[in-house]
Amino acid sequence: MMTAEQAAEKGKSLSFEKVWAMFEETERFMKELSEKADRRQAETQKEVAAMCKRVDRVCENVGGLNRSIGELIETLVASRLWEKFPNHNLVRAYRRMPIYDETHHIKTDIDILLSDTVEAMAVEVKRELDDEDAVNRHLRRMELIRAYPPAEIVNKKLLGAMAGGFVSADAASYAYEAGFYVLELTGESVHLIPPPLGFEPRAW
């Protein structure tokens, strides 16, 4: 810590050239800091970009896994599904049936379609059936299927069902209120969740 007198004496020894040199040195220092910061920012951006790519790959893998799980559940549900409906003679089964409008645009699809000569049943398969939204979407799907029926459904009574690897009690209750049968996967087989007393399946 200098005294006022020492500072005054020091100031006498500072020429314009020395002061200017000090400013130049400070400017060079600040420029170097700025360049280092820019390089670090670029490196950070590269690291972030690389991380985003890794996250995208993980998401793709998880998406593929989800699809695989969904396909597995669908396959297990489809196996001898007609046996779960002894009151209906639904002996023919179709999977992944697209529904086209009159201009050949896909409006929706059916995960599993069961049919006989007078009835058909559109089954929506979910990995988890745990909310009302899925039931409401299937209700809208049923309307589209009825509006644009494929040949396997024309002039037949159309019923609906929902199946899941997991089915919550609330979702099952709501689905039955909507007129759908409800099934749940248990182990490697699927069972029909008992309908409430007085249940009558809705026909579209």
N, C-alpha and C. Protein backbone atom coordinates (compact mmCIF):
# COMPACT_ATOMS: atom_id res chain seq x y z
N MET A 1 0.84 -1.18 0.00
CA MET A 1 0.00 0.00 0.00
C MET A 1 0.88 1.24 0.00
N MET A 2 0.76 2.11 -1.06
CA MET A 2 1.61 3.29 -1.15
C MET A 2 0.93 4.47 -0.49
N THR A 3 1.76 5.37 0.04
CA THR A 3 1.24 6.63 0.59
C THR A 3 1.01 7.59 -0.57
N ALA A 4 0.31 8.70 -0.28
CA ALA A 4 0.04 9.69 -1.32
C ALA A 4 1.32 10.23 -1.90
N GLU A 5 2.28 10.43 -1.03
CA GLU A 5 3.55 10.97 -1.49
C GLU A 5 4.25 9.98 -2.41
N GLN A 6 4.21 8.68 -2.03
CA GLN A 6 4.87 7.67 -2.85
C GLN A 6 4.18 7.55 -4.21
N ALA A 7 2.84 7.66 -4.21
CA ALA A 7 2.11 7.59 -5.46
C ALA A 7 2.46 8.76 -6.36
N ALA A 8 2.58 9.96 -5.76
CA ALA A 8 2.94 11.15 -6.54
C ALA A 8 4.32 11.01 -7.12
N GLU A 9 5.24 10.49 -6.34
CA GLU A 9 6.62 10.30 -6.81
C GLU A 9 6.66 9.27 -7.93
N LYS A 10 5.83 8.18 -7.78
CA LYS A 10 5.76 7.14 -8.81
C LYS A 10 5.22 7.72 -10.10
N GLY A 11 4.23 8.64 -9.98
CA GLY A 11 3.61 9.22 -11.17
C GLY A 11 4.59 10.05 -11.97
N LYS A 12 5.56 10.67 -11.28
CA LYS A 12 6.54 11.48 -11.99
C LYS A 12 7.38 10.64 -12.92
N SER A 13 7.56 9.34 -12.57
CA SER A 13 8.43 8.47 -13.37
C SER A 13 7.69 7.84 -14.55
N LEU A 14 6.32 8.02 -14.62
CA LEU A 14 5.54 7.43 -15.71
C LEU A 14 5.46 8.40 -16.87
N SER A 15 6.10 8.04 -17.96
CA SER A 15 6.03 8.87 -19.16
C SER A 15 4.81 8.46 -19.98
N PHE A 16 4.47 9.24 -20.99
CA PHE A 16 3.34 8.92 -21.87
C PHE A 16 3.57 7.57 -22.54
N GLU A 17 4.85 7.33 -22.97
CA GLU A 17 5.16 6.08 -23.65
C GLU A 17 4.90 4.87 -22.75
N LYS A 18 5.31 5.03 -21.46
CA LYS A 18 5.11 3.91 -20.53
C LYS A 18 3.62 3.63 -20.31
N VAL A 19 2.83 4.71 -20.15
CA VAL A 19 1.40 4.55 -19.94
C VAL A 19 0.75 3.91 -21.16
N TRP A 20 1.15 4.37 -22.37
CA TRP A 20 0.60 3.78 -23.59
C TRP A 20 0.95 2.31 -23.72
N ALA A 21 2.17 1.98 -23.35
CA ALA A 21 2.60 0.58 -23.41
C ALA A 21 1.76 -0.27 -22.45
N MET A 22 1.44 0.30 -21.29
CA MET A 22 0.62 -0.42 -20.33
C MET A 22 -0.77 -0.68 -20.91
N PHE A 23 -1.36 0.33 -21.60
CA PHE A 23 -2.67 0.15 -22.22
C PHE A 23 -2.61 -0.93 -23.30
N GLU A 24 -1.54 -0.91 -24.10
CA GLU A 24 -1.40 -1.92 -25.15
C GLU A 24 -1.29 -3.32 -24.56
N GLU A 25 -0.52 -3.44 -23.47
CA GLU A 25 -0.36 -4.74 -22.82
C GLU A 25 -1.70 -5.24 -22.26
N THR A 26 -2.46 -4.31 -21.68
CA THR A 26 -3.78 -4.66 -21.15
C THR A 26 -4.72 -5.10 -22.27
N GLU A 27 -4.66 -4.39 -23.40
CA GLU A 27 -5.51 -4.73 -24.54
C GLU A 27 -5.17 -6.11 -25.08
N ARG A 28 -3.85 -6.42 -25.18
CA ARG A 28 -3.44 -7.74 -25.64
C ARG A 28 -3.95 -8.83 -24.69
N PHE A 29 -3.88 -8.57 -23.40
CA PHE A 29 -4.33 -9.52 -22.40
C PHE A 29 -5.83 -9.80 -22.52
N MET A 30 -6.60 -8.70 -22.69
CA MET A 30 -8.04 -8.84 -22.82
C MET A 30 -8.40 -9.58 -24.11
N LYS A 31 -7.64 -9.33 -25.18
CA LYS A 31 -7.89 -10.02 -26.44
C LYS A 31 -7.63 -11.51 -26.30
N GLU A 32 -6.54 -11.84 -25.63
CA GLU A 32 -6.23 -13.26 -25.40
C GLU A 32 -7.32 -13.94 -24.59
N LEU A 33 -7.81 -13.24 -23.57
CA LEU A 33 -8.90 -13.81 -22.76
C LEU A 33 -10.14 -14.04 -23.61
N SER A 34 -10.44 -13.05 -24.49
CA SER A 34 -11.61 -13.16 -25.34
C SER A 34 -11.49 -14.34 -26.30
N GLU A 35 -10.25 -14.49 -26.89
CA GLU A 35 -10.04 -15.61 -27.81
C GLU A 35 -10.19 -16.95 -27.11
N LYS A 36 -9.65 -17.02 -25.88
CA LYS A 36 -9.77 -18.26 -25.12
C LYS A 36 -11.24 -18.56 -24.81
N ALA A 37 -11.99 -17.50 -24.49
CA ALA A 37 -13.41 -17.68 -24.19
C ALA A 37 -14.16 -18.15 -25.43
N ASP A 38 -13.81 -17.56 -26.61
CA ASP A 38 -14.45 -17.98 -27.85
C ASP A 38 -14.16 -19.44 -28.17
N ARG A 39 -12.85 -19.83 -27.96
CA ARG A 39 -12.49 -21.23 -28.22
C ARG A 39 -13.24 -22.16 -27.28
N ARG A 40 -13.33 -21.73 -26.02
CA ARG A 40 -14.04 -22.56 -25.04
C ARG A 40 -15.52 -22.68 -25.39
N GLN A 41 -16.09 -21.56 -25.88
CA GLN A 41 -17.50 -21.59 -26.26
C GLN A 41 -17.71 -22.55 -27.42
N ALA A 42 -16.79 -22.50 -28.40
CA ALA A 42 -16.90 -23.41 -29.54
C ALA A 42 -16.77 -24.86 -29.09
N GLU A 43 -15.82 -25.11 -28.16
CA GLU A 43 -15.66 -26.46 -27.64
C GLU A 43 -16.91 -26.90 -26.90
N THR A 44 -17.51 -25.98 -26.13
CA THR A 44 -18.73 -26.30 -25.40
C THR A 44 -19.87 -26.63 -26.36
N GLN A 45 -19.96 -25.83 -27.43
CA GLN A 45 -21.00 -26.08 -28.42
C GLN A 45 -20.84 -27.45 -29.06
N LYS A 46 -19.56 -27.82 -29.33
CA LYS A 46 -19.31 -29.14 -29.91
C LYS A 46 -19.71 -30.24 -28.92
N GLU A 47 -19.37 -30.02 -27.65
CA GLU A 47 -19.73 -31.01 -26.64
C GLU A 47 -21.24 -31.16 -26.53
N VAL A 48 -21.95 -30.01 -26.57
CA VAL A 48 -23.41 -30.05 -26.49
C VAL A 48 -23.99 -30.77 -27.70
N ALA A 49 -23.43 -30.47 -28.89
CA ALA A 49 -23.93 -31.12 -30.10
C ALA A 49 -23.72 -32.63 -30.04
N ALA A 50 -22.54 -33.03 -29.55
CA ALA A 50 -22.26 -34.46 -29.42
C ALA A 50 -23.21 -35.12 -28.43
N MET A 51 -23.49 -34.41 -27.33
CA MET A 51 -24.40 -34.95 -26.32
C MET A 51 -25.81 -35.09 -26.91
N CYS A 52 -26.24 -34.11 -27.69
CA CYS A 52 -27.57 -34.17 -28.30
C CYS A 52 -27.68 -35.38 -29.23
N LYS A 53 -26.59 -35.65 -29.96
CA LYS A 53 -26.60 -36.81 -30.84
C LYS A 53 -26.73 -38.10 -30.04
N ARG A 54 -26.02 -38.16 -28.90
CA ARG A 54 -26.11 -39.36 -28.05
C ARG A 54 -27.52 -39.52 -27.51
N VAL A 55 -28.13 -38.40 -27.08
CA VAL A 55 -29.50 -38.45 -26.57
C VAL A 55 -30.46 -38.92 -27.67
N ASP A 56 -30.26 -38.40 -28.91
CA ASP A 56 -31.12 -38.82 -30.02
C ASP A 56 -31.01 -40.32 -30.26
N ARG A 57 -29.76 -40.84 -30.19
CA ARG A 57 -29.58 -42.28 -30.40
C ARG A 57 -30.27 -43.08 -29.31
N VAL A 58 -30.17 -42.60 -28.07
CA VAL A 58 -30.83 -43.29 -26.96
C VAL A 58 -32.34 -43.28 -27.16
N CYS A 59 -32.86 -42.11 -27.56
CA CYS A 59 -34.31 -42.00 -27.78
C CYS A 59 -34.77 -42.94 -28.89
N GLU A 60 -33.95 -43.03 -29.96
CA GLU A 60 -34.30 -43.95 -31.03
C GLU A 60 -34.31 -45.38 -30.54
N ASN A 61 -33.31 -45.74 -29.73
CA ASN A 61 -33.25 -47.10 -29.19
C ASN A 61 -34.43 -47.37 -28.28
N VAL A 62 -34.77 -46.39 -27.42
CA VAL A 62 -35.91 -46.56 -26.53
C VAL A 62 -37.20 -46.66 -27.33
N GLY A 63 -37.30 -45.82 -28.38
CA GLY A 63 -38.48 -45.90 -29.23
C GLY A 63 -38.61 -47.26 -29.89
N GLY A 64 -37.48 -47.79 -30.36
CA GLY A 64 -37.49 -49.13 -30.93
C GLY A 64 -37.88 -50.18 -29.91
N LEU A 65 -37.37 -50.00 -28.69
CA LEU A 65 -37.71 -50.92 -27.62
C LEU A 65 -39.19 -50.86 -27.31
N ASN A 66 -39.74 -49.64 -27.26
CA ASN A 66 -41.17 -49.49 -27.00
C ASN A 66 -41.99 -50.17 -28.08
N ARG A 67 -41.54 -49.99 -29.34
CA ARG A 67 -42.27 -50.63 -30.43
C ARG A 67 -42.19 -52.14 -30.31
N SER A 68 -41.00 -52.65 -29.93
CA SER A 68 -40.83 -54.09 -29.79
C SER A 68 -41.74 -54.63 -28.69
N ILE A 69 -41.80 -53.92 -27.56
CA ILE A 69 -42.66 -54.34 -26.46
C ILE A 69 -44.11 -54.32 -26.91
N GLY A 70 -44.50 -53.25 -27.62
CA GLY A 70 -45.87 -53.14 -28.11
C GLY A 70 -46.21 -54.27 -29.05
N GLU A 71 -45.28 -54.61 -29.95
CA GLU A 71 -45.52 -55.70 -30.90
C GLU A 71 -45.60 -57.04 -30.18
N LEU A 72 -44.76 -57.22 -29.16
CA LEU A 72 -44.81 -58.46 -28.39
C LEU A 72 -46.15 -58.62 -27.69
N ILE A 73 -46.61 -57.54 -27.04
CA ILE A 73 -47.90 -57.58 -26.35
C ILE A 73 -49.02 -57.87 -27.36
N GLU A 74 -48.95 -57.24 -28.52
CA GLU A 74 -49.96 -57.45 -29.54
C GLU A 74 -49.98 -58.91 -30.00
N THR A 75 -48.80 -59.49 -30.17
CA THR A 75 -48.70 -60.89 -30.59
C THR A 75 -49.28 -61.82 -29.53
N LEU A 76 -48.95 -61.56 -28.27
CA LEU A 76 -49.46 -62.40 -27.19
C LEU A 76 -50.97 -62.27 -27.06
N VAL A 77 -51.47 -61.04 -27.22
CA VAL A 77 -52.92 -60.82 -27.12
C VAL A 77 -53.64 -61.52 -28.28
N ALA A 78 -53.06 -61.45 -29.47
CA ALA A 78 -53.72 -62.00 -30.65
C ALA A 78 -53.84 -63.52 -30.61
N SER A 79 -52.97 -64.17 -29.88
CA SER A 79 -52.95 -65.63 -29.86
C SER A 79 -54.26 -66.21 -29.32
N ARG A 80 -55.02 -66.87 -30.21
CA ARG A 80 -56.29 -67.53 -29.86
C ARG A 80 -57.23 -66.58 -29.10
N LEU A 81 -57.23 -65.34 -29.56
CA LEU A 81 -58.05 -64.32 -28.89
C LEU A 81 -59.54 -64.64 -29.01
N TRP A 82 -59.92 -65.26 -30.09
CA TRP A 82 -61.32 -65.55 -30.31
C TRP A 82 -61.90 -66.42 -29.20
N GLU A 83 -61.05 -67.22 -28.53
CA GLU A 83 -61.54 -68.08 -27.46
C GLU A 83 -62.05 -67.28 -26.26
N LYS A 84 -61.65 -66.03 -26.15
CA LYS A 84 -62.05 -65.21 -25.00
C LYS A 84 -63.49 -64.71 -25.12
N PHE A 85 -64.10 -64.93 -26.29
CA PHE A 85 -65.46 -64.44 -26.51
C PHE A 85 -66.37 -65.61 -26.92
N PRO A 86 -66.68 -66.48 -25.97
CA PRO A 86 -67.48 -67.68 -26.31
C PRO A 86 -68.87 -67.35 -26.82
N ASN A 87 -69.37 -66.15 -26.54
CA ASN A 87 -70.70 -65.78 -27.01
C ASN A 87 -70.67 -65.24 -28.44
N HIS A 88 -69.48 -65.16 -29.02
CA HIS A 88 -69.33 -64.66 -30.39
C HIS A 88 -68.46 -65.65 -31.16
N ASN A 89 -68.84 -65.94 -32.38
CA ASN A 89 -68.11 -66.92 -33.18
C ASN A 89 -67.05 -66.23 -34.05
N LEU A 90 -66.10 -65.55 -33.39
CA LEU A 90 -65.13 -64.72 -34.11
C LEU A 90 -63.87 -65.53 -34.42
N VAL A 91 -63.95 -66.37 -35.41
CA VAL A 91 -62.89 -67.34 -35.66
C VAL A 91 -61.80 -66.83 -36.60
N ARG A 92 -62.05 -65.75 -37.32
CA ARG A 92 -61.03 -65.21 -38.20
C ARG A 92 -60.37 -64.00 -37.56
N ALA A 93 -59.06 -63.88 -37.72
CA ALA A 93 -58.32 -62.78 -37.10
C ALA A 93 -57.40 -62.13 -38.12
N TYR A 94 -57.32 -60.80 -38.05
CA TYR A 94 -56.44 -60.01 -38.91
C TYR A 94 -55.69 -59.03 -38.04
N ARG A 95 -54.45 -58.75 -38.41
CA ARG A 95 -53.65 -57.80 -37.63
C ARG A 95 -53.23 -56.62 -38.49
N ARG A 96 -53.13 -55.45 -37.82
CA ARG A 96 -52.65 -54.22 -38.46
C ARG A 96 -53.41 -53.92 -39.75
N MET A 97 -54.71 -53.78 -39.62
CA MET A 97 -55.53 -53.51 -40.78
C MET A 97 -55.76 -52.01 -40.94
N PRO A 98 -55.28 -51.41 -42.02
CA PRO A 98 -55.50 -49.97 -42.24
C PRO A 98 -56.93 -49.69 -42.69
N ILE A 99 -57.42 -48.51 -42.33
CA ILE A 99 -58.75 -48.07 -42.73
C ILE A 99 -58.59 -46.86 -43.65
N TYR A 100 -59.03 -47.00 -44.90
CA TYR A 100 -58.88 -45.95 -45.90
C TYR A 100 -60.21 -45.24 -46.14
N ASP A 101 -60.11 -43.95 -46.48
CA ASP A 101 -61.32 -43.24 -46.90
C ASP A 101 -61.53 -43.42 -48.39
N GLU A 102 -62.52 -42.73 -48.95
CA GLU A 102 -62.84 -42.91 -50.36
C GLU A 102 -61.76 -42.39 -51.30
N THR A 103 -60.84 -41.57 -50.77
CA THR A 103 -59.73 -41.09 -51.59
C THR A 103 -58.44 -41.86 -51.33
N HIS A 104 -58.58 -42.99 -50.65
CA HIS A 104 -57.46 -43.91 -50.37
C HIS A 104 -56.43 -43.33 -49.41
N HIS A 105 -56.86 -42.40 -48.55
CA HIS A 105 -56.01 -41.90 -47.48
C HIS A 105 -56.31 -42.69 -46.21
N ILE A 106 -55.26 -43.01 -45.47
CA ILE A 106 -55.46 -43.78 -44.24
C ILE A 106 -56.09 -42.89 -43.17
N LYS A 107 -57.21 -43.33 -42.63
CA LYS A 107 -57.90 -42.59 -41.58
C LYS A 107 -57.52 -43.12 -40.19
N THR A 108 -57.32 -44.41 -40.09
CA THR A 108 -56.93 -45.03 -38.82
C THR A 108 -56.51 -46.47 -39.14
N ASP A 109 -56.31 -47.28 -38.12
CA ASP A 109 -56.03 -48.69 -38.34
C ASP A 109 -56.58 -49.51 -37.18
N ILE A 110 -56.62 -50.81 -37.37
CA ILE A 110 -57.11 -51.73 -36.35
C ILE A 110 -55.97 -52.65 -35.95
N ASP A 111 -55.64 -52.68 -34.67
CA ASP A 111 -54.55 -53.55 -34.22
C ASP A 111 -54.89 -55.01 -34.49
N ILE A 112 -56.06 -55.43 -34.03
CA ILE A 112 -56.52 -56.81 -34.27
C ILE A 112 -58.01 -56.76 -34.64
N LEU A 113 -58.36 -57.39 -35.74
CA LEU A 113 -59.76 -57.48 -36.14
C LEU A 113 -60.19 -58.94 -36.09
N LEU A 114 -61.22 -59.23 -35.32
CA LEU A 114 -61.83 -60.55 -35.28
C LEU A 114 -63.14 -60.49 -36.05
N SER A 115 -63.48 -61.56 -36.73
CA SER A 115 -64.73 -61.52 -37.49
C SER A 115 -65.29 -62.91 -37.73
N ASP A 116 -66.58 -62.94 -38.01
CA ASP A 116 -67.25 -64.12 -38.54
C ASP A 116 -68.18 -63.64 -39.64
N THR A 117 -69.22 -64.36 -39.94
CA THR A 117 -70.08 -63.98 -41.06
C THR A 117 -71.04 -62.85 -40.73
N VAL A 118 -71.32 -62.63 -39.43
CA VAL A 118 -72.31 -61.61 -39.07
C VAL A 118 -71.77 -60.55 -38.11
N GLU A 119 -70.63 -60.82 -37.47
CA GLU A 119 -70.06 -59.87 -36.51
C GLU A 119 -68.59 -59.63 -36.78
N ALA A 120 -68.09 -58.49 -36.28
CA ALA A 120 -66.67 -58.17 -36.32
C ALA A 120 -66.33 -57.42 -35.04
N MET A 121 -65.11 -57.55 -34.61
CA MET A 121 -64.68 -56.86 -33.38
C MET A 121 -63.32 -56.22 -33.61
N ALA A 122 -63.25 -54.91 -33.39
CA ALA A 122 -62.00 -54.17 -33.51
C ALA A 122 -61.35 -54.07 -32.14
N VAL A 123 -60.15 -54.63 -32.01
CA VAL A 123 -59.45 -54.68 -30.73
C VAL A 123 -58.26 -53.73 -30.77
N GLU A 124 -58.23 -52.79 -29.84
CA GLU A 124 -57.11 -51.86 -29.69
C GLU A 124 -56.20 -52.37 -28.59
N VAL A 125 -54.91 -52.52 -28.89
CA VAL A 125 -53.95 -53.07 -27.93
C VAL A 125 -53.03 -51.95 -27.45
N LYS A 126 -52.93 -51.81 -26.13
CA LYS A 126 -52.07 -50.80 -25.53
C LYS A 126 -51.05 -51.48 -24.62
N ARG A 127 -49.87 -50.87 -24.56
CA ARG A 127 -48.89 -51.38 -23.59
C ARG A 127 -49.41 -51.18 -22.18
N GLU A 128 -49.99 -50.00 -21.94
CA GLU A 128 -50.64 -49.70 -20.67
C GLU A 128 -51.98 -49.03 -20.95
N LEU A 129 -53.02 -49.57 -20.40
CA LEU A 129 -54.34 -48.96 -20.51
C LEU A 129 -54.68 -48.41 -19.14
N ASP A 130 -54.39 -47.13 -18.94
CA ASP A 130 -54.51 -46.57 -17.59
C ASP A 130 -55.17 -45.20 -17.54
N ASP A 131 -55.80 -44.78 -18.65
CA ASP A 131 -56.48 -43.49 -18.61
C ASP A 131 -57.68 -43.48 -19.56
N GLU A 132 -58.51 -42.48 -19.41
CA GLU A 132 -59.72 -42.37 -20.21
C GLU A 132 -59.43 -41.94 -21.64
N ASP A 133 -58.30 -41.25 -21.85
CA ASP A 133 -57.99 -40.74 -23.19
C ASP A 133 -57.89 -41.87 -24.20
N ALA A 134 -57.26 -42.98 -23.81
CA ALA A 134 -57.11 -44.11 -24.73
C ALA A 134 -58.48 -44.67 -25.11
N VAL A 135 -59.37 -44.72 -24.16
CA VAL A 135 -60.73 -45.21 -24.43
C VAL A 135 -61.45 -44.26 -25.38
N ASN A 136 -61.32 -42.96 -25.13
CA ASN A 136 -61.97 -41.97 -26.00
C ASN A 136 -61.42 -42.03 -27.43
N ARG A 137 -60.12 -42.27 -27.55
CA ARG A 137 -59.53 -42.39 -28.89
C ARG A 137 -60.08 -43.61 -29.62
N HIS A 138 -60.29 -44.70 -28.87
CA HIS A 138 -60.84 -45.90 -29.51
C HIS A 138 -62.30 -45.68 -29.91
N LEU A 139 -63.02 -44.91 -29.14
CA LEU A 139 -64.39 -44.56 -29.52
C LEU A 139 -64.40 -43.81 -30.85
N ARG A 140 -63.49 -42.85 -31.00
CA ARG A 140 -63.41 -42.11 -32.27
C ARG A 140 -62.97 -43.05 -33.40
N ARG A 141 -62.07 -43.97 -33.09
CA ARG A 141 -61.61 -44.93 -34.09
C ARG A 141 -62.78 -45.80 -34.57
N MET A 142 -63.63 -46.22 -33.65
CA MET A 142 -64.77 -47.05 -34.01
C MET A 142 -65.70 -46.32 -34.98
N GLU A 143 -65.88 -45.03 -34.77
CA GLU A 143 -66.72 -44.24 -35.67
C GLU A 143 -66.12 -44.19 -37.07
N LEU A 144 -64.79 -44.06 -37.14
CA LEU A 144 -64.11 -44.04 -38.44
C LEU A 144 -64.21 -45.40 -39.13
N ILE A 145 -64.05 -46.47 -38.36
CA ILE A 145 -64.15 -47.81 -38.94
C ILE A 145 -65.55 -48.04 -39.50
N ARG A 146 -66.56 -47.57 -38.77
CA ARG A 146 -67.93 -47.73 -39.23
C ARG A 146 -68.19 -46.88 -40.47
N ALA A 147 -67.58 -45.70 -40.49
CA ALA A 147 -67.79 -44.80 -41.64
C ALA A 147 -67.07 -45.29 -42.89
N TYR A 148 -65.90 -45.93 -42.69
CA TYR A 148 -65.11 -46.42 -43.82
C TYR A 148 -64.77 -47.90 -43.62
N PRO A 149 -65.77 -48.77 -43.63
CA PRO A 149 -65.53 -50.17 -43.30
C PRO A 149 -64.78 -50.92 -44.41
N PRO A 150 -63.77 -51.71 -44.03
CA PRO A 150 -63.14 -52.58 -45.02
C PRO A 150 -64.09 -53.73 -45.36
N ALA A 151 -63.73 -54.50 -46.35
CA ALA A 151 -64.62 -55.57 -46.82
C ALA A 151 -64.97 -56.55 -45.71
N GLU A 152 -64.04 -56.79 -44.78
CA GLU A 152 -64.26 -57.76 -43.71
C GLU A 152 -65.32 -57.30 -42.70
N ILE A 153 -65.74 -56.04 -42.79
CA ILE A 153 -66.68 -55.49 -41.81
C ILE A 153 -68.01 -55.10 -42.45
N VAL A 154 -68.03 -54.92 -43.75
CA VAL A 154 -69.24 -54.46 -44.44
C VAL A 154 -70.42 -55.37 -44.11
N ASN A 155 -71.54 -54.73 -43.75
CA ASN A 155 -72.80 -55.42 -43.45
C ASN A 155 -72.71 -56.33 -42.22
N LYS A 156 -71.74 -56.06 -41.35
CA LYS A 156 -71.62 -56.85 -40.13
C LYS A 156 -71.81 -55.96 -38.91
N LYS A 157 -72.26 -56.56 -37.84
CA LYS A 157 -72.35 -55.88 -36.55
C LYS A 157 -70.92 -55.65 -36.05
N LEU A 158 -70.60 -54.41 -35.70
CA LEU A 158 -69.24 -54.07 -35.28
C LEU A 158 -69.19 -53.87 -33.77
N LEU A 159 -68.33 -54.65 -33.12
CA LEU A 159 -68.10 -54.55 -31.68
C LEU A 159 -66.69 -54.02 -31.44
N GLY A 160 -66.42 -53.65 -30.18
CA GLY A 160 -65.10 -53.13 -29.85
C GLY A 160 -64.54 -53.74 -28.59
N ALA A 161 -63.23 -53.77 -28.49
CA ALA A 161 -62.55 -54.29 -27.29
C ALA A 161 -61.24 -53.56 -27.13
N MET A 162 -60.73 -53.56 -25.90
CA MET A 162 -59.43 -52.96 -25.60
C MET A 162 -58.63 -53.95 -24.77
N ALA A 163 -57.33 -54.01 -25.05
CA ALA A 163 -56.45 -54.93 -24.33
C ALA A 163 -55.17 -54.20 -23.95
N GLY A 164 -54.58 -54.62 -22.85
CA GLY A 164 -53.34 -53.97 -22.41
C GLY A 164 -52.44 -54.91 -21.64
N GLY A 165 -51.14 -54.60 -21.68
CA GLY A 165 -50.21 -55.35 -20.85
C GLY A 165 -50.48 -55.07 -19.39
N PHE A 166 -50.95 -53.86 -19.12
CA PHE A 166 -51.43 -53.48 -17.79
C PHE A 166 -52.70 -52.68 -17.98
N VAL A 167 -53.71 -52.98 -17.17
CA VAL A 167 -54.99 -52.26 -17.25
C VAL A 167 -55.38 -51.82 -15.85
N SER A 168 -55.55 -50.51 -15.67
CA SER A 168 -55.98 -50.01 -14.36
C SER A 168 -57.46 -50.26 -14.18
N ALA A 169 -57.87 -50.35 -12.93
CA ALA A 169 -59.27 -50.61 -12.62
C ALA A 169 -60.16 -49.48 -13.14
N ASP A 170 -59.70 -48.23 -13.02
CA ASP A 170 -60.49 -47.09 -13.49
C ASP A 170 -60.66 -47.12 -15.01
N ALA A 171 -59.57 -47.45 -15.72
CA ALA A 171 -59.64 -47.50 -17.18
C ALA A 171 -60.55 -48.64 -17.63
N ALA A 172 -60.47 -49.78 -16.95
CA ALA A 172 -61.33 -50.91 -17.29
C ALA A 172 -62.79 -50.54 -17.09
N SER A 173 -63.09 -49.88 -15.97
CA SER A 173 -64.46 -49.48 -15.69
C SER A 173 -64.98 -48.50 -16.74
N TYR A 174 -64.14 -47.54 -17.13
CA TYR A 174 -64.53 -46.54 -18.13
C TYR A 174 -64.75 -47.20 -19.49
N ALA A 175 -63.88 -48.16 -19.83
CA ALA A 175 -64.01 -48.85 -21.11
C ALA A 175 -65.30 -49.66 -21.17
N TYR A 176 -65.63 -50.31 -20.07
CA TYR A 176 -66.88 -51.07 -20.04
C TYR A 176 -68.08 -50.14 -20.14
N GLU A 177 -67.99 -48.97 -19.51
CA GLU A 177 -69.08 -48.00 -19.64
C GLU A 177 -69.26 -47.55 -21.09
N ALA A 178 -68.14 -47.52 -21.83
CA ALA A 178 -68.20 -47.13 -23.24
C ALA A 178 -68.71 -48.24 -24.13
N GLY A 179 -68.85 -49.46 -23.58
CA GLY A 179 -69.37 -50.57 -24.36
C GLY A 179 -68.31 -51.50 -24.92
N PHE A 180 -67.06 -51.36 -24.45
CA PHE A 180 -65.97 -52.22 -24.91
C PHE A 180 -65.76 -53.41 -23.98
N TYR A 181 -65.36 -54.53 -24.57
CA TYR A 181 -64.79 -55.60 -23.76
C TYR A 181 -63.38 -55.17 -23.36
N VAL A 182 -62.87 -55.68 -22.23
CA VAL A 182 -61.54 -55.30 -21.76
C VAL A 182 -60.75 -56.56 -21.41
N LEU A 183 -59.53 -56.62 -21.94
CA LEU A 183 -58.66 -57.77 -21.70
C LEU A 183 -57.33 -57.30 -21.15
N GLU A 184 -56.68 -58.17 -20.37
CA GLU A 184 -55.38 -57.85 -19.80
C GLU A 184 -54.44 -59.03 -19.96
N LEU A 185 -53.20 -58.71 -20.27
CA LEU A 185 -52.18 -59.74 -20.43
C LEU A 185 -51.68 -60.18 -19.06
N THR A 186 -51.68 -61.47 -18.82
CA THR A 186 -51.16 -62.03 -17.57
C THR A 186 -50.18 -63.13 -17.92
N GLY A 187 -48.90 -62.90 -17.66
CA GLY A 187 -47.90 -63.87 -18.07
C GLY A 187 -47.84 -63.91 -19.59
N GLU A 188 -48.01 -65.09 -20.14
CA GLU A 188 -47.97 -65.25 -21.59
C GLU A 188 -49.35 -65.46 -22.19
N SER A 189 -50.39 -65.18 -21.42
CA SER A 189 -51.75 -65.33 -21.94
C SER A 189 -52.56 -64.09 -21.61
N VAL A 190 -53.70 -63.97 -22.23
CA VAL A 190 -54.57 -62.82 -22.02
C VAL A 190 -55.88 -63.32 -21.45
N HIS A 191 -56.44 -62.56 -20.53
CA HIS A 191 -57.74 -62.95 -19.98
C HIS A 191 -58.71 -61.79 -20.06
N LEU A 192 -59.97 -62.15 -20.17
CA LEU A 192 -61.03 -61.15 -20.22
C LEU A 192 -61.34 -60.69 -18.80
N ILE A 193 -61.19 -59.39 -18.56
CA ILE A 193 -61.57 -58.84 -17.26
C ILE A 193 -63.10 -58.96 -17.14
N PRO A 194 -63.58 -59.57 -16.08
CA PRO A 194 -65.03 -59.80 -15.97
C PRO A 194 -65.83 -58.52 -16.15
N PRO A 195 -66.80 -58.54 -17.07
CA PRO A 195 -67.64 -57.36 -17.27
C PRO A 195 -68.51 -57.10 -16.05
N PRO A 196 -68.91 -55.86 -15.85
CA PRO A 196 -69.83 -55.57 -14.74
C PRO A 196 -71.19 -56.23 -14.98
N LEU A 197 -71.92 -56.41 -13.93
CA LEU A 197 -73.22 -57.04 -14.02
C LEU A 197 -74.13 -56.25 -14.96
N GLY A 198 -74.76 -56.95 -15.87
CA GLY A 198 -75.66 -56.30 -16.81
C GLY A 198 -74.99 -55.67 -18.02
N PHE A 199 -73.68 -55.93 -18.20
CA PHE A 199 -72.96 -55.34 -19.33
C PHE A 199 -73.51 -55.85 -20.66
N GLU A 200 -73.70 -54.91 -21.58
CA GLU A 200 -74.08 -55.23 -22.95
C GLU A 200 -73.09 -54.55 -23.89
N PRO A 201 -72.38 -55.32 -24.71
CA PRO A 201 -71.42 -54.68 -25.61
C PRO A 201 -72.10 -53.74 -26.59
N ARG A 202 -71.48 -52.61 -26.82
CA ARG A 202 -72.03 -51.65 -27.77
C ARG A 202 -71.78 -52.10 -29.19
N ALA A 203 -72.73 -51.87 -30.06
CA ALA A 203 -72.58 -52.19 -31.47
C ALA A 203 -72.55 -50.90 -32.29
N TRP A 204 -71.65 -50.85 -33.25
CA TRP A 204 -71.53 -49.69 -34.13
C TRP A 204 -72.05 -50.06 -35.51
